[in-house]
Amino acid sequence: MRSGTILAVMARTVRRWEFLLGKYLGVQMLMGVYILFLVATSYLFGWIGGERIQASVWILIVYPMVRYAIYSAMAMFLVTVMHPIVAFGIVVVISVLTGMVVPGVTS
């Protein structure tokens, strides 16, 4: 909004929530394609190596989609209230911290 590029994109009146929802759904569709590519590649490499993937396919698709949906929602919320680089840093720190936490493991 500060740089003025949104004015060129918004040729007709669109509510703010519609604009943000469209951006969010676009990111989720891109993540869906990315995840499907990764799952297909994993199965291909497993087949080439003569191994079998033991996990259910729907878990391999749903788990990362939910995780990426949460991270992208946090990022979109933060970027609307602060500078994008600061929002990116916060989301990266949160994702690294959640990656360090292993469920079911106690020290």
PDB file of N, CA and C in Angstrom:
ATOM      1  N   MET A   1       0.819  -1.183   0.000  1.00  0.00           N
ATOM      2  CA  MET A   1       0.000   0.000   0.000  1.00  0.00           C
ATOM      3  C   MET A   1       0.870   1.256   0.000  1.00  0.00           C
ATOM      4  N   ARG A   2       1.998   1.189   0.675  1.00  0.00           N
ATOM      5  CA  ARG A   2       2.854   2.378   0.748  1.00  0.00           C
ATOM      6  C   ARG A   2       3.481   2.717  -0.594  1.00  0.00           C
ATOM      7  N   SER A   3       3.850   1.682  -1.371  1.00  0.00           N
ATOM      8  CA  SER A   3       4.518   1.951  -2.652  1.00  0.00           C
ATOM      9  C   SER A   3       3.540   2.336  -3.740  1.00  0.00           C
ATOM     10  N   GLY A   4       2.240   2.093  -3.543  1.00  0.00           N
ATOM     11  CA  GLY A   4       1.241   2.500  -4.519  1.00  0.00           C
ATOM     12  C   GLY A   4       0.931   1.467  -5.583  1.00  0.00           C
ATOM     13  N   THR A   5       1.589   0.311  -5.561  1.00  0.00           N
ATOM     14  CA  THR A   5       1.325  -0.699  -6.591  1.00  0.00           C
ATOM     15  C   THR A   5      -0.047  -1.333  -6.446  1.00  0.00           C
ATOM     16  N   ILE A   6      -0.604  -1.306  -5.251  1.00  0.00           N
ATOM     17  CA  ILE A   6      -1.931  -1.888  -5.047  1.00  0.00           C
ATOM     18  C   ILE A   6      -2.994  -1.107  -5.811  1.00  0.00           C
ATOM     19  N   LEU A   7      -2.774   0.184  -6.037  1.00  0.00           N
ATOM     20  CA  LEU A   7      -3.749   0.984  -6.770  1.00  0.00           C
ATOM     21  C   LEU A   7      -3.867   0.523  -8.213  1.00  0.00           C
ATOM     22  N   ALA A   8      -2.771   0.087  -8.798  1.00  0.00           N
ATOM     23  CA  ALA A   8      -2.818  -0.424 -10.169  1.00  0.00           C
ATOM     24  C   ALA A   8      -3.506  -1.782 -10.229  1.00  0.00           C
ATOM     25  N   VAL A   9      -3.345  -2.586  -9.195  1.00  0.00           N
ATOM     26  CA  VAL A   9      -3.945  -3.917  -9.158  1.00  0.00           C
ATOM     27  C   VAL A   9      -5.446  -3.820  -8.940  1.00  0.00           C
ATOM     28  N   MET A  10      -5.844  -2.899  -8.125  1.00  0.00           N
ATOM     29  CA  MET A  10      -7.253  -2.793  -7.763  1.00  0.00           C
ATOM     30  C   MET A  10      -7.986  -1.828  -8.692  1.00  0.00           C
ATOM     31  N   ALA A  11      -8.324  -2.309  -9.901  1.00  0.00           N
ATOM     32  CA  ALA A  11      -9.024  -1.479 -10.868  1.00  0.00           C
ATOM     33  C   ALA A  11     -10.476  -1.259 -10.463  1.00  0.00           C
ATOM     34  N   ARG A  12     -11.057  -2.216  -9.764  1.00  0.00           N
ATOM     35  CA  ARG A  12     -12.428  -2.046  -9.278  1.00  0.00           C
ATOM     36  C   ARG A  12     -12.404  -2.134  -7.754  1.00  0.00           C
ATOM     37  N   THR A  13     -13.458  -1.695  -7.154  1.00  0.00           N
ATOM     38  CA  THR A  13     -13.519  -1.666  -5.698  1.00  0.00           C
ATOM     39  C   THR A  13     -13.593  -3.088  -5.150  1.00  0.00           C
ATOM     40  N   VAL A  14     -12.633  -3.429  -4.333  1.00  0.00           N
ATOM     41  CA  VAL A  14     -12.575  -4.728  -3.676  1.00  0.00           C
ATOM     42  C   VAL A  14     -12.349  -4.458  -2.197  1.00  0.00           C
ATOM     43  N   ARG A  15     -13.091  -5.166  -1.382  1.00  0.00           N
ATOM     44  CA  ARG A  15     -12.911  -5.002   0.059  1.00  0.00           C
ATOM     45  C   ARG A  15     -11.536  -5.534   0.465  1.00  0.00           C
ATOM     46  N   ARG A  16     -11.026  -5.003   1.533  1.00  0.00           N
ATOM     47  CA  ARG A  16      -9.696  -5.402   1.990  1.00  0.00           C
ATOM     48  C   ARG A  16      -9.634  -6.897   2.298  1.00  0.00           C
ATOM     49  N   TRP A  17     -10.664  -7.440   2.946  1.00  0.00           N
ATOM     50  CA  TRP A  17     -10.657  -8.858   3.283  1.00  0.00           C
ATOM     51  C   TRP A  17     -10.699  -9.720   2.024  1.00  0.00           C
ATOM     52  N   GLU A  18     -11.365  -9.265   0.964  1.00  0.00           N
ATOM     53  CA  GLU A  18     -11.390 -10.021  -0.295  1.00  0.00           C
ATOM     54  C   GLU A  18     -10.004 -10.046  -0.940  1.00  0.00           C
ATOM     55  N   PHE A  19      -9.333  -8.909  -0.888  1.00  0.00           N
ATOM     56  CA  PHE A  19      -7.983  -8.822  -1.447  1.00  0.00           C
ATOM     57  C   PHE A  19      -7.033  -9.742  -0.678  1.00  0.00           C
ATOM     58  N   LEU A  20      -7.070  -9.684   0.656  1.00  0.00           N
ATOM     59  CA  LEU A  20      -6.188 -10.519   1.465  1.00  0.00           C
ATOM     60  C   LEU A  20      -6.527 -11.996   1.345  1.00  0.00           C
ATOM     61  N   LEU A  21      -7.812 -12.330   1.267  1.00  0.00           N
ATOM     62  CA  LEU A  21      -8.215 -13.720   1.089  1.00  0.00           C
ATOM     63  C   LEU A  21      -7.730 -14.258  -0.252  1.00  0.00           C
ATOM     64  N   GLY A  22      -7.812 -13.441  -1.287  1.00  0.00           N
ATOM     65  CA  GLY A  22      -7.311 -13.857  -2.604  1.00  0.00           C
ATOM     66  C   GLY A  22      -5.812 -14.124  -2.580  1.00  0.00           C
ATOM     67  N   LYS A  23      -5.067 -13.261  -1.931  1.00  0.00           N
ATOM     68  CA  LYS A  23      -3.622 -13.476  -1.804  1.00  0.00           C
ATOM     69  C   LYS A  23      -3.331 -14.738  -0.994  1.00  0.00           C
ATOM     70  N   TYR A  24      -4.074 -14.934   0.093  1.00  0.00           N
ATOM     71  CA  TYR A  24      -3.865 -16.102   0.947  1.00  0.00           C
ATOM     72  C   TYR A  24      -4.175 -17.395   0.185  1.00  0.00           C
ATOM     73  N   LEU A  25      -5.295 -17.423  -0.522  1.00  0.00           N
ATOM     74  CA  LEU A  25      -5.656 -18.628  -1.274  1.00  0.00           C
ATOM     75  C   LEU A  25      -4.676 -18.893  -2.416  1.00  0.00           C
ATOM     76  N   GLY A  26      -4.146 -17.832  -3.015  1.00  0.00           N
ATOM     77  CA  GLY A  26      -3.127 -18.006  -4.047  1.00  0.00           C
ATOM     78  C   GLY A  26      -1.867 -18.652  -3.494  1.00  0.00           C
ATOM     79  N   VAL A  27      -1.455 -18.212  -2.315  1.00  0.00           N
ATOM     80  CA  VAL A  27      -0.287 -18.805  -1.657  1.00  0.00           C
ATOM     81  C   VAL A  27      -0.563 -20.267  -1.312  1.00  0.00           C
ATOM     82  N   GLN A  28      -1.776 -20.561  -0.833  1.00  0.00           N
ATOM     83  CA  GLN A  28      -2.112 -21.939  -0.470  1.00  0.00           C
ATOM     84  C   GLN A  28      -2.148 -22.848  -1.695  1.00  0.00           C
ATOM     85  N   MET A  29      -2.636 -22.336  -2.814  1.00  0.00           N
ATOM     86  CA  MET A  29      -2.629 -23.146  -4.044  1.00  0.00           C
ATOM     87  C   MET A  29      -1.204 -23.428  -4.490  1.00  0.00           C
ATOM     88  N   LEU A  30      -0.342 -22.439  -4.410  1.00  0.00           N
ATOM     89  CA  LEU A  30       1.061 -22.641  -4.758  1.00  0.00           C
ATOM     90  C   LEU A  30       1.713 -23.656  -3.831  1.00  0.00           C
ATOM     91  N   MET A  31       1.420 -23.575  -2.540  1.00  0.00           N
ATOM     92  CA  MET A  31       1.953 -24.551  -1.583  1.00  0.00           C
ATOM     93  C   MET A  31       1.411 -25.949  -1.865  1.00  0.00           C
ATOM     94  N   GLY A  32       0.156 -26.054  -2.285  1.00  0.00           N
ATOM     95  CA  GLY A  32      -0.415 -27.355  -2.634  1.00  0.00           C
ATOM     96  C   GLY A  32       0.315 -27.996  -3.797  1.00  0.00           C
ATOM     97  N   VAL A  33       0.607 -27.205  -4.823  1.00  0.00           N
ATOM     98  CA  VAL A  33       1.364 -27.724  -5.964  1.00  0.00           C
ATOM     99  C   VAL A  33       2.761 -28.143  -5.524  1.00  0.00           C
ATOM    100  N   TYR A  34       3.391 -27.334  -4.691  1.00  0.00           N
ATOM    101  CA  TYR A  34       4.722 -27.637  -4.174  1.00  0.00           C
ATOM    102  C   TYR A  34       4.731 -28.948  -3.393  1.00  0.00           C
ATOM    103  N   ILE A  35       3.741 -29.140  -2.529  1.00  0.00           N
ATOM    104  CA  ILE A  35       3.676 -30.352  -1.714  1.00  0.00           C
ATOM    105  C   ILE A  35       3.402 -31.577  -2.574  1.00  0.00           C
ATOM    106  N   LEU A  36       2.495 -31.457  -3.539  1.00  0.00           N
ATOM    107  CA  LEU A  36       2.225 -32.585  -4.436  1.00  0.00           C
ATOM    108  C   LEU A  36       3.476 -32.971  -5.217  1.00  0.00           C
ATOM    109  N   PHE A  37       4.242 -31.971  -5.643  1.00  0.00           N
ATOM    110  CA  PHE A  37       5.499 -32.244  -6.339  1.00  0.00           C
ATOM    111  C   PHE A  37       6.479 -32.979  -5.418  1.00  0.00           C
ATOM    112  N   LEU A  38       6.584 -32.540  -4.170  1.00  0.00           N
ATOM    113  CA  LEU A  38       7.497 -33.185  -3.228  1.00  0.00           C
ATOM    114  C   LEU A  38       7.077 -34.624  -2.916  1.00  0.00           C
ATOM    115  N   VAL A  39       5.788 -34.857  -2.748  1.00  0.00           N
ATOM    116  CA  VAL A  39       5.307 -36.212  -2.467  1.00  0.00           C
ATOM    117  C   VAL A  39       5.569 -37.114  -3.668  1.00  0.00           C
ATOM    118  N   ALA A  40       5.257 -36.611  -4.867  1.00  0.00           N
ATOM    119  CA  ALA A  40       5.500 -37.409  -6.071  1.00  0.00           C
ATOM    120  C   ALA A  40       6.984 -37.707  -6.245  1.00  0.00           C
ATOM    121  N   THR A  41       7.825 -36.735  -5.981  1.00  0.00           N
ATOM    122  CA  THR A  41       9.273 -36.935  -6.090  1.00  0.00           C
ATOM    123  C   THR A  41       9.759 -37.940  -5.054  1.00  0.00           C
ATOM    124  N   SER A  42       9.218 -37.875  -3.853  1.00  0.00           N
ATOM    125  CA  SER A  42       9.608 -38.836  -2.809  1.00  0.00           C
ATOM    126  C   SER A  42       9.244 -40.258  -3.216  1.00  0.00           C
ATOM    127  N   TYR A  43       8.040 -40.436  -3.743  1.00  0.00           N
ATOM    128  CA  TYR A  43       7.637 -41.768  -4.187  1.00  0.00           C
ATOM    129  C   TYR A  43       8.483 -42.242  -5.366  1.00  0.00           C
ATOM    130  N   LEU A  44       8.823 -41.314  -6.269  1.00  0.00           N
ATOM    131  CA  LEU A  44       9.666 -41.679  -7.412  1.00  0.00           C
ATOM    132  C   LEU A  44      11.048 -42.127  -6.948  1.00  0.00           C
ATOM    133  N   PHE A  45      11.654 -41.360  -6.051  1.00  0.00           N
ATOM    134  CA  PHE A  45      12.985 -41.736  -5.553  1.00  0.00           C
ATOM    135  C   PHE A  45      12.938 -43.018  -4.734  1.00  0.00           C
ATOM    136  N   GLY A  46      11.855 -43.200  -3.982  1.00  0.00           N
ATOM    137  CA  GLY A  46      11.696 -44.452  -3.254  1.00  0.00           C
ATOM    138  C   GLY A  46      11.578 -45.638  -4.199  1.00  0.00           C
ATOM    139  N   TRP A  47      10.830 -45.471  -5.267  1.00  0.00           N
ATOM    140  CA  TRP A  47      10.677 -46.530  -6.268  1.00  0.00           C
ATOM    141  C   TRP A  47      11.999 -46.826  -6.960  1.00  0.00           C
ATOM    142  N   ILE A  48      12.752 -45.777  -7.305  1.00  0.00           N
ATOM    143  CA  ILE A  48      14.059 -45.966  -7.951  1.00  0.00           C
ATOM    144  C   ILE A  48      15.009 -46.696  -7.009  1.00  0.00           C
ATOM    145  N   GLY A  49      14.962 -46.371  -5.732  1.00  0.00           N
ATOM    146  CA  GLY A  49      15.848 -47.005  -4.748  1.00  0.00           C
ATOM    147  C   GLY A  49      15.353 -48.348  -4.261  1.00  0.00           C
ATOM    148  N   GLY A  50      14.193 -48.765  -4.717  1.00  0.00           N
ATOM    149  CA  GLY A  50      13.660 -50.052  -4.303  1.00  0.00           C
ATOM    150  C   GLY A  50      13.093 -50.049  -2.902  1.00  0.00           C
ATOM    151  N   GLU A  51      12.740 -48.879  -2.384  1.00  0.00           N
ATOM    152  CA  GLU A  51      12.181 -48.764  -1.038  1.00  0.00           C
ATOM    153  C   GLU A  51      10.700 -48.425  -1.128  1.00  0.00           C
ATOM    154  N   ARG A  52      10.026 -48.580  -0.009  1.00  0.00           N
ATOM    155  CA  ARG A  52       8.600 -48.272   0.056  1.00  0.00           C
ATOM    156  C   ARG A  52       8.384 -47.245   1.159  1.00  0.00           C
ATOM    157  N   ILE A  53       7.605 -46.208   0.878  1.00  0.00           N
ATOM    158  CA  ILE A  53       7.293 -45.194   1.876  1.00  0.00           C
ATOM    159  C   ILE A  53       6.171 -45.736   2.747  1.00  0.00           C
ATOM    160  N   GLN A  54       6.397 -45.765   4.056  1.00  0.00           N
ATOM    161  CA  GLN A  54       5.470 -46.397   4.985  1.00  0.00           C
ATOM    162  C   GLN A  54       4.309 -45.486   5.395  1.00  0.00           C
ATOM    163  N   ALA A  55       4.449 -44.204   5.250  1.00  0.00           N
ATOM    164  CA  ALA A  55       3.411 -43.265   5.692  1.00  0.00           C
ATOM    165  C   ALA A  55       2.251 -43.237   4.704  1.00  0.00           C
ATOM    166  N   SER A  56       1.099 -42.871   5.214  1.00  0.00           N
ATOM    167  CA  SER A  56      -0.089 -42.728   4.382  1.00  0.00           C
ATOM    168  C   SER A  56       0.052 -41.469   3.519  1.00  0.00           C
ATOM    169  N   VAL A  57      -0.438 -41.521   2.291  1.00  0.00           N
ATOM    170  CA  VAL A  57      -0.282 -40.394   1.368  1.00  0.00           C
ATOM    171  C   VAL A  57      -1.007 -39.154   1.882  1.00  0.00           C
ATOM    172  N   TRP A  58      -2.187 -39.332   2.460  1.00  0.00           N
ATOM    173  CA  TRP A  58      -2.938 -38.157   2.900  1.00  0.00           C
ATOM    174  C   TRP A  58      -2.229 -37.440   4.040  1.00  0.00           C
ATOM    175  N   ILE A  59      -1.492 -38.177   4.871  1.00  0.00           N
ATOM    176  CA  ILE A  59      -0.725 -37.530   5.943  1.00  0.00           C
ATOM    177  C   ILE A  59       0.434 -36.727   5.350  1.00  0.00           C
ATOM    178  N   LEU A  60       1.058 -37.265   4.317  1.00  0.00           N
ATOM    179  CA  LEU A  60       2.168 -36.563   3.676  1.00  0.00           C
ATOM    180  C   LEU A  60       1.719 -35.284   2.986  1.00  0.00           C
ATOM    181  N   ILE A  61       0.437 -35.201   2.654  1.00  0.00           N
ATOM    182  CA  ILE A  61      -0.086 -34.001   1.997  1.00  0.00           C
ATOM    183  C   ILE A  61      -0.709 -33.037   3.011  1.00  0.00           C
ATOM    184  N   VAL A  62      -1.513 -33.563   3.930  1.00  0.00           N
ATOM    185  CA  VAL A  62      -2.267 -32.701   4.851  1.00  0.00           C
ATOM    186  C   VAL A  62      -1.360 -32.035   5.891  1.00  0.00           C
ATOM    187  N   TYR A  63      -0.427 -32.776   6.468  1.00  0.00           N
ATOM    188  CA  TYR A  63       0.417 -32.205   7.528  1.00  0.00           C
ATOM    189  C   TYR A  63       1.181 -30.960   7.051  1.00  0.00           C
ATOM    190  N   PRO A  64       1.909 -31.025   5.921  1.00  0.00           N
ATOM    191  CA  PRO A  64       2.590 -29.789   5.501  1.00  0.00           C
ATOM    192  C   PRO A  64       1.630 -28.688   5.080  1.00  0.00           C
ATOM    193  N   MET A  65       0.469 -29.049   4.514  1.00  0.00           N
ATOM    194  CA  MET A  65      -0.481 -28.011   4.122  1.00  0.00           C
ATOM    195  C   MET A  65      -0.994 -27.244   5.338  1.00  0.00           C
ATOM    196  N   VAL A  66      -1.294 -27.943   6.412  1.00  0.00           N
ATOM    197  CA  VAL A  66      -1.762 -27.270   7.629  1.00  0.00           C
ATOM    198  C   VAL A  66      -0.638 -26.409   8.208  1.00  0.00           C
ATOM    199  N   ARG A  67       0.548 -26.961   8.216  1.00  0.00           N
ATOM    200  CA  ARG A  67       1.694 -26.213   8.759  1.00  0.00           C
ATOM    201  C   ARG A  67       1.963 -24.948   7.949  1.00  0.00           C
ATOM    202  N   TYR A  68       1.985 -25.064   6.621  1.00  0.00           N
ATOM    203  CA  TYR A  68       2.213 -23.894   5.766  1.00  0.00           C
ATOM    204  C   TYR A  68       1.045 -22.916   5.833  1.00  0.00           C
ATOM    205  N   ALA A  69      -0.174 -23.419   6.027  1.00  0.00           N
ATOM    206  CA  ALA A  69      -1.328 -22.523   6.155  1.00  0.00           C
ATOM    207  C   ALA A  69      -1.202 -21.662   7.404  1.00  0.00           C
ATOM    208  N   ILE A  70      -0.737 -22.260   8.491  1.00  0.00           N
ATOM    209  CA  ILE A  70      -0.553 -21.503   9.728  1.00  0.00           C
ATOM    210  C   ILE A  70       0.555 -20.467   9.563  1.00  0.00           C
ATOM    211  N   TYR A  71       1.685 -20.869   8.983  1.00  0.00           N
ATOM    212  CA  TYR A  71       2.788 -19.928   8.809  1.00  0.00           C
ATOM    213  C   TYR A  71       2.410 -18.784   7.860  1.00  0.00           C
ATOM    214  N   SER A  72       1.724 -19.092   6.776  1.00  0.00           N
ATOM    215  CA  SER A  72       1.368 -18.024   5.841  1.00  0.00           C
ATOM    216  C   SER A  72       0.304 -17.107   6.442  1.00  0.00           C
ATOM    217  N   ALA A  73      -0.607 -17.640   7.254  1.00  0.00           N
ATOM    218  CA  ALA A  73      -1.592 -16.782   7.915  1.00  0.00           C
ATOM    219  C   ALA A  73      -0.900 -15.845   8.907  1.00  0.00           C
ATOM    220  N   MET A  74       0.063 -16.380   9.657  1.00  0.00           N
ATOM    221  CA  MET A  74       0.818 -15.529  10.585  1.00  0.00           C
ATOM    222  C   MET A  74       1.568 -14.449   9.823  1.00  0.00           C
ATOM    223  N   ALA A  75       2.202 -14.829   8.733  1.00  0.00           N
ATOM    224  CA  ALA A  75       2.980 -13.863   7.958  1.00  0.00           C
ATOM    225  C   ALA A  75       2.083 -12.775   7.379  1.00  0.00           C
ATOM    226  N   MET A  76       0.921 -13.161   6.836  1.00  0.00           N
ATOM    227  CA  MET A  76       0.024 -12.146   6.269  1.00  0.00           C
ATOM    228  C   MET A  76      -0.524 -11.219   7.342  1.00  0.00           C
ATOM    229  N   PHE A  77      -0.827 -11.769   8.518  1.00  0.00           N
ATOM    230  CA  PHE A  77      -1.287 -10.910   9.607  1.00  0.00           C
ATOM    231  C   PHE A  77      -0.192  -9.928  10.024  1.00  0.00           C
ATOM    232  N   LEU A  78       1.012 -10.438  10.224  1.00  0.00           N
ATOM    233  CA  LEU A  78       2.104  -9.579  10.689  1.00  0.00           C
ATOM    234  C   LEU A  78       2.494  -8.529   9.661  1.00  0.00           C
ATOM    235  N   VAL A  79       2.451  -8.895   8.380  1.00  0.00           N
ATOM    236  CA  VAL A  79       2.880  -7.943   7.358  1.00  0.00           C
ATOM    237  C   VAL A  79       1.867  -6.802   7.199  1.00  0.00           C
ATOM    238  N   THR A  80       0.640  -7.011   7.657  1.00  0.00           N
ATOM    239  CA  THR A  80      -0.325  -5.909   7.599  1.00  0.00           C
ATOM    240  C   THR A  80      -0.131  -4.916   8.733  1.00  0.00           C
ATOM    241  N   VAL A  81       0.576  -5.308   9.803  1.00  0.00           N
ATOM    242  CA  VAL A  81       0.752  -4.399  10.934  1.00  0.00           C
ATOM    243  C   VAL A  81       2.192  -3.935  11.131  1.00  0.00           C
ATOM    244  N   MET A  82       3.139  -4.497  10.397  1.00  0.00           N
ATOM    245  CA  MET A  82       4.537  -4.084  10.563  1.00  0.00           C
ATOM    246  C   MET A  82       5.294  -4.225   9.242  1.00  0.00           C
ATOM    247  N   HIS A  83       6.547  -3.863   9.241  1.00  0.00           N
ATOM    248  CA  HIS A  83       7.386  -3.932   8.043  1.00  0.00           C
ATOM    249  C   HIS A  83       7.551  -5.391   7.613  1.00  0.00           C
ATOM    250  N   PRO A  84       7.521  -5.663   6.292  1.00  0.00           N
ATOM    251  CA  PRO A  84       7.610  -7.046   5.815  1.00  0.00           C
ATOM    252  C   PRO A  84       8.857  -7.798   6.253  1.00  0.00           C
ATOM    253  N   ILE A  85       9.991  -7.134   6.347  1.00  0.00           N
ATOM    254  CA  ILE A  85      11.226  -7.820   6.741  1.00  0.00           C
ATOM    255  C   ILE A  85      11.149  -8.240   8.209  1.00  0.00           C
ATOM    256  N   VAL A  86      10.574  -7.394   9.042  1.00  0.00           N
ATOM    257  CA  VAL A  86      10.404  -7.756  10.454  1.00  0.00           C
ATOM    258  C   VAL A  86       9.435  -8.932  10.575  1.00  0.00           C
ATOM    259  N   ALA A  87       8.339  -8.894   9.821  1.00  0.00           N
ATOM    260  CA  ALA A  87       7.368  -9.995   9.840  1.00  0.00           C
ATOM    261  C   ALA A  87       8.010 -11.293   9.365  1.00  0.00           C
ATOM    262  N   PHE A  88       8.825 -11.223   8.320  1.00  0.00           N
ATOM    263  CA  PHE A  88       9.531 -12.401   7.819  1.00  0.00           C
ATOM    264  C   PHE A  88      10.444 -12.974   8.903  1.00  0.00           C
ATOM    265  N   GLY A  89      11.172 -12.112   9.585  1.00  0.00           N
ATOM    266  CA  GLY A  89      12.072 -12.557  10.650  1.00  0.00           C
ATOM    267  C   GLY A  89      11.326 -13.241  11.777  1.00  0.00           C
ATOM    268  N   ILE A  90      10.189 -12.683  12.161  1.00  0.00           N
ATOM    269  CA  ILE A  90       9.403 -13.286  13.242  1.00  0.00           C
ATOM    270  C   ILE A  90       8.902 -14.667  12.841  1.00  0.00           C
ATOM    271  N   VAL A  91       8.391 -14.810  11.625  1.00  0.00           N
ATOM    272  CA  VAL A  91       7.876 -16.099  11.165  1.00  0.00           C
ATOM    273  C   VAL A  91       9.002 -17.123  11.050  1.00  0.00           C
ATOM    274  N   VAL A  92      10.177 -16.708  10.593  1.00  0.00           N
ATOM    275  CA  VAL A  92      11.311 -17.631  10.495  1.00  0.00           C
ATOM    276  C   VAL A  92      11.719 -18.111  11.889  1.00  0.00           C
ATOM    277  N   VAL A  93      11.795 -17.199  12.840  1.00  0.00           N
ATOM    278  CA  VAL A  93      12.171 -17.583  14.206  1.00  0.00           C
ATOM    279  C   VAL A  93      11.143 -18.557  14.789  1.00  0.00           C
ATOM    280  N   ILE A  94       9.863 -18.278  14.589  1.00  0.00           N
ATOM    281  CA  ILE A  94       8.822 -19.170  15.099  1.00  0.00           C
ATOM    282  C   ILE A  94       8.908 -20.535  14.441  1.00  0.00           C
ATOM    283  N   SER A  95       9.136 -20.572  13.126  1.00  0.00           N
ATOM    284  CA  SER A  95       9.220 -21.870  12.439  1.00  0.00           C
ATOM    285  C   SER A  95      10.450 -22.661  12.882  1.00  0.00           C
ATOM    286  N   VAL A  96      11.558 -21.994  13.135  1.00  0.00           N
ATOM    287  CA  VAL A  96      12.757 -22.688  13.622  1.00  0.00           C
ATOM    288  C   VAL A  96      12.517 -23.227  15.035  1.00  0.00           C
ATOM    289  N   LEU A  97      11.886 -22.420  15.880  1.00  0.00           N
ATOM    290  CA  LEU A  97      11.609 -22.873  17.241  1.00  0.00           C
ATOM    291  C   LEU A  97      10.646 -24.059  17.254  1.00  0.00           C
ATOM    292  N   THR A  98       9.628 -24.041  16.406  1.00  0.00           N
ATOM    293  CA  THR A  98       8.719 -25.179  16.355  1.00  0.00           C
ATOM    294  C   THR A  98       9.388 -26.409  15.766  1.00  0.00           C
ATOM    295  N   GLY A  99      10.379 -26.221  14.912  1.00  0.00           N
ATOM    296  CA  GLY A  99      11.122 -27.343  14.375  1.00  0.00           C
ATOM    297  C   GLY A  99      12.045 -27.984  15.402  1.00  0.00           C
ATOM    298  N   MET A 100      12.427 -27.205  16.417  1.00  0.00           N
ATOM    299  CA  MET A 100      13.305 -27.725  17.468  1.00  0.00           C
ATOM    300  C   MET A 100      12.526 -28.521  18.510  1.00  0.00           C
ATOM    301  N   VAL A 101      11.224 -28.287  18.598  1.00  0.00           N
ATOM    302  CA  VAL A 101      10.396 -28.984  19.570  1.00  0.00           C
ATOM    303  C   VAL A 101       9.948 -30.308  18.967  1.00  0.00           C
ATOM    304  N   VAL A 102      10.290 -31.394  19.643  1.00  0.00           N
ATOM    305  CA  VAL A 102       9.905 -32.723  19.183  1.00  0.00           C
ATOM    306  C   VAL A 102       8.842 -33.255  20.129  1.00  0.00           C
ATOM    307  N   PRO A 103       7.633 -33.546  19.607  1.00  0.00           N
ATOM    308  CA  PRO A 103       6.573 -34.039  20.493  1.00  0.00           C
ATOM    309  C   PRO A 103       6.925 -35.376  21.122  1.00  0.00           C
ATOM    310  N   GLY A 104       6.611 -35.527  22.382  1.00  0.00           N
ATOM    311  CA  GLY A 104       6.806 -36.791  23.067  1.00  0.00           C
ATOM    312  C   GLY A 104       8.198 -37.023  23.619  1.00  0.00           C
ATOM    313  N   VAL A 105       9.107 -36.093  23.408  1.00  0.00           N
ATOM    314  CA  VAL A 105      10.488 -36.245  23.901  1.00  0.00           C
ATOM    315  C   VAL A 105      10.665 -35.327  25.104  1.00  0.00           C
ATOM    316  N   THR A 106      11.094 -35.893  26.211  1.00  0.00           N
ATOM    317  CA  THR A 106      11.364 -35.094  27.409  1.00  0.00           C
ATOM    318  C   THR A 106      12.857 -35.103  27.692  1.00  0.00           C
ATOM    319  N   SER A 107      13.329 -34.034  28.274  1.00  0.00           N
ATOM    320  CA  SER A 107      14.763 -33.925  28.560  1.00  0.00           C
ATOM    321  C   SER A 107      15.138 -34.690  29.800  1.00  0.00           C
TER     322      SER A 107
END
